Amino acid sequence: MDGGSMEDAMVGGGYTDEPHVLAVDDNLIDRKLVERLLKNSSCKVTTAENGLRALEYSGTGR
């Protein structure tokens, strides 16, 4: 993970113009590639190595 959080996307009670993407893949190389492509497209990126971790990051974890 790059250290970003879903809460970081909020500024002053509203969303920023920069899209925040949660990229999930169990393959580290694929995750890094997707992260780089999205960041080059001006997206804020949080990565997760599996679906369970993605649910935790999105706030819907069990």
N, C-alpha and C. Protein backbone atom coordinates (compact mmCIF):
# COMPACT_ATOMS: atom_id res chain seq x y z
N MET A 1 0.84 -1.17 0.00
CA MET A 1 0.00 0.00 0.00
C MET A 1 0.88 1.23 0.00
N ASP A 2 0.40 2.30 -0.58
CA ASP A 2 1.21 3.51 -0.67
C ASP A 2 1.05 4.41 0.55
N GLY A 3 0.27 4.02 1.53
CA GLY A 3 0.10 4.82 2.72
C GLY A 3 -1.12 5.71 2.67
N GLY A 4 -1.79 5.79 1.52
CA GLY A 4 -2.99 6.58 1.41
C GLY A 4 -4.16 5.89 2.07
N SER A 5 -5.15 6.67 2.47
CA SER A 5 -6.34 6.08 3.05
C SER A 5 -7.57 6.70 2.41
N MET A 6 -8.68 6.05 2.56
CA MET A 6 -9.92 6.58 2.01
C MET A 6 -10.23 7.95 2.62
N GLU A 7 -9.93 8.12 3.91
CA GLU A 7 -10.21 9.39 4.56
C GLU A 7 -9.38 10.53 3.98
N ASP A 8 -8.20 10.20 3.46
CA ASP A 8 -7.34 11.22 2.87
C ASP A 8 -7.97 11.86 1.64
N ALA A 9 -8.93 11.20 1.03
CA ALA A 9 -9.59 11.74 -0.16
C ALA A 9 -10.53 12.88 0.20
N MET A 10 -10.88 13.00 1.48
CA MET A 10 -11.79 14.04 1.92
C MET A 10 -10.99 15.28 2.34
N VAL A 11 -11.43 16.43 1.88
CA VAL A 11 -10.79 17.68 2.26
C VAL A 11 -11.88 18.68 2.62
N GLY A 12 -11.89 19.16 3.83
CA GLY A 12 -12.87 20.15 4.24
C GLY A 12 -14.31 19.68 4.12
N GLY A 13 -14.56 18.40 4.28
CA GLY A 13 -15.93 17.89 4.22
C GLY A 13 -16.39 17.54 2.82
N GLY A 14 -15.58 17.82 1.79
CA GLY A 14 -15.96 17.50 0.42
C GLY A 14 -14.88 16.70 -0.26
N TYR A 15 -15.21 16.12 -1.37
CA TYR A 15 -14.24 15.32 -2.11
C TYR A 15 -13.33 16.20 -2.94
N THR A 16 -12.11 15.76 -3.12
CA THR A 16 -11.17 16.47 -3.98
C THR A 16 -11.50 16.17 -5.43
N ASP A 17 -10.93 16.95 -6.34
CA ASP A 17 -11.12 16.70 -7.77
C ASP A 17 -10.33 15.50 -8.24
N GLU A 18 -9.32 15.12 -7.48
CA GLU A 18 -8.47 14.00 -7.85
C GLU A 18 -9.18 12.68 -7.52
N PRO A 19 -9.42 11.83 -8.52
CA PRO A 19 -10.07 10.54 -8.24
C PRO A 19 -9.20 9.69 -7.32
N HIS A 20 -9.84 8.97 -6.41
CA HIS A 20 -9.13 8.07 -5.50
C HIS A 20 -9.55 6.65 -5.85
N VAL A 21 -8.58 5.86 -6.30
CA VAL A 21 -8.84 4.51 -6.79
C VAL A 21 -8.26 3.49 -5.82
N LEU A 22 -9.06 2.47 -5.51
CA LEU A 22 -8.58 1.33 -4.72
C LEU A 22 -8.28 0.21 -5.70
N ALA A 23 -6.99 -0.06 -5.92
CA ALA A 23 -6.55 -1.09 -6.87
C ALA A 23 -6.22 -2.37 -6.10
N VAL A 24 -6.84 -3.48 -6.51
CA VAL A 24 -6.69 -4.75 -5.79
C VAL A 24 -6.17 -5.82 -6.72
N ASP A 25 -5.07 -6.45 -6.32
CA ASP A 25 -4.53 -7.59 -7.08
C ASP A 25 -3.61 -8.36 -6.16
N ASP A 26 -3.63 -9.68 -6.25
CA ASP A 26 -2.76 -10.48 -5.39
C ASP A 26 -1.33 -10.57 -5.92
N ASN A 27 -1.10 -10.11 -7.14
CA ASN A 27 0.23 -10.13 -7.74
C ASN A 27 0.90 -8.77 -7.54
N LEU A 28 2.02 -8.76 -6.82
CA LEU A 28 2.70 -7.50 -6.49
C LEU A 28 3.10 -6.72 -7.74
N ILE A 29 3.62 -7.40 -8.73
CA ILE A 29 4.07 -6.71 -9.96
C ILE A 29 2.88 -6.05 -10.65
N ASP A 30 1.77 -6.77 -10.77
CA ASP A 30 0.57 -6.19 -11.39
C ASP A 30 0.06 -5.00 -10.59
N ARG A 31 0.07 -5.11 -9.25
CA ARG A 31 -0.38 -4.02 -8.39
C ARG A 31 0.47 -2.78 -8.60
N LYS A 32 1.78 -2.96 -8.66
CA LYS A 32 2.69 -1.82 -8.86
C LYS A 32 2.49 -1.19 -10.23
N LEU A 33 2.27 -2.01 -11.25
CA LEU A 33 2.04 -1.50 -12.60
C LEU A 33 0.76 -0.67 -12.65
N VAL A 34 -0.32 -1.21 -12.10
CA VAL A 34 -1.59 -0.49 -12.08
C VAL A 34 -1.46 0.80 -11.28
N GLU A 35 -0.77 0.73 -10.14
CA GLU A 35 -0.56 1.92 -9.32
C GLU A 35 0.17 3.01 -10.11
N ARG A 36 1.23 2.64 -10.81
CA ARG A 36 2.00 3.62 -11.58
C ARG A 36 1.16 4.23 -12.71
N LEU A 37 0.41 3.38 -13.42
CA LEU A 37 -0.43 3.88 -14.51
C LEU A 37 -1.48 4.86 -14.00
N LEU A 38 -2.11 4.52 -12.88
CA LEU A 38 -3.14 5.40 -12.33
C LEU A 38 -2.55 6.71 -11.81
N LYS A 39 -1.40 6.64 -11.16
CA LYS A 39 -0.77 7.86 -10.67
C LYS A 39 -0.35 8.76 -11.83
N ASN A 40 0.10 8.17 -12.92
CA ASN A 40 0.45 8.95 -14.11
C ASN A 40 -0.78 9.58 -14.75
N SER A 41 -1.96 9.07 -14.40
CA SER A 41 -3.22 9.62 -14.91
C SER A 41 -3.85 10.55 -13.88
N SER A 42 -3.06 11.02 -12.93
CA SER A 42 -3.48 11.98 -11.90
C SER A 42 -4.52 11.43 -10.95
N CYS A 43 -4.42 10.16 -10.63
CA CYS A 43 -5.31 9.54 -9.64
C CYS A 43 -4.54 9.33 -8.34
N LYS A 44 -5.24 9.47 -7.24
CA LYS A 44 -4.69 9.05 -5.95
C LYS A 44 -4.97 7.56 -5.86
N VAL A 45 -3.99 6.78 -5.44
CA VAL A 45 -4.12 5.32 -5.47
C VAL A 45 -3.83 4.72 -4.11
N THR A 46 -4.71 3.83 -3.68
CA THR A 46 -4.48 2.95 -2.54
C THR A 46 -4.49 1.55 -3.09
N THR A 47 -3.53 0.73 -2.68
CA THR A 47 -3.48 -0.63 -3.19
C THR A 47 -3.77 -1.63 -2.08
N ALA A 48 -4.32 -2.77 -2.48
CA ALA A 48 -4.61 -3.86 -1.54
C ALA A 48 -4.21 -5.17 -2.20
N GLU A 49 -3.70 -6.08 -1.38
CA GLU A 49 -3.21 -7.34 -1.93
C GLU A 49 -4.28 -8.42 -2.03
N ASN A 50 -5.47 -8.17 -1.49
CA ASN A 50 -6.55 -9.16 -1.62
C ASN A 50 -7.90 -8.50 -1.34
N GLY A 51 -8.95 -9.23 -1.61
CA GLY A 51 -10.29 -8.69 -1.44
C GLY A 51 -10.63 -8.34 -0.01
N LEU A 52 -10.19 -9.16 0.93
CA LEU A 52 -10.46 -8.88 2.34
C LEU A 52 -9.83 -7.56 2.76
N ARG A 53 -8.58 -7.35 2.37
CA ARG A 53 -7.90 -6.10 2.70
C ARG A 53 -8.60 -4.91 2.02
N ALA A 54 -9.07 -5.11 0.80
CA ALA A 54 -9.79 -4.05 0.09
C ALA A 54 -11.06 -3.67 0.84
N LEU A 55 -11.78 -4.66 1.35
CA LEU A 55 -12.99 -4.36 2.13
C LEU A 55 -12.65 -3.60 3.40
N GLU A 56 -11.54 -3.94 4.03
CA GLU A 56 -11.11 -3.21 5.22
C GLU A 56 -10.81 -1.76 4.89
N TYR A 57 -10.10 -1.53 3.79
CA TYR A 57 -9.76 -0.17 3.38
C TYR A 57 -10.99 0.64 3.02
N SER A 58 -11.97 -0.01 2.41
CA SER A 58 -13.16 0.72 1.97
C SER A 58 -14.17 0.93 3.09
N GLY A 59 -13.90 0.35 4.26
CA GLY A 59 -14.78 0.55 5.40
C GLY A 59 -15.93 -0.44 5.48
N THR A 60 -15.94 -1.43 4.61
CA THR A 60 -17.01 -2.43 4.63
C THR A 60 -16.50 -3.78 5.10
N GLY A 61 -15.31 -3.79 5.71
CA GLY A 61 -14.73 -5.05 6.19
C GLY A 61 -15.58 -5.68 7.28
N ARG A 62 -15.47 -6.98 7.39
CA ARG A 62 -16.30 -7.69 8.37
C ARG A 62 -15.57 -7.91 9.65
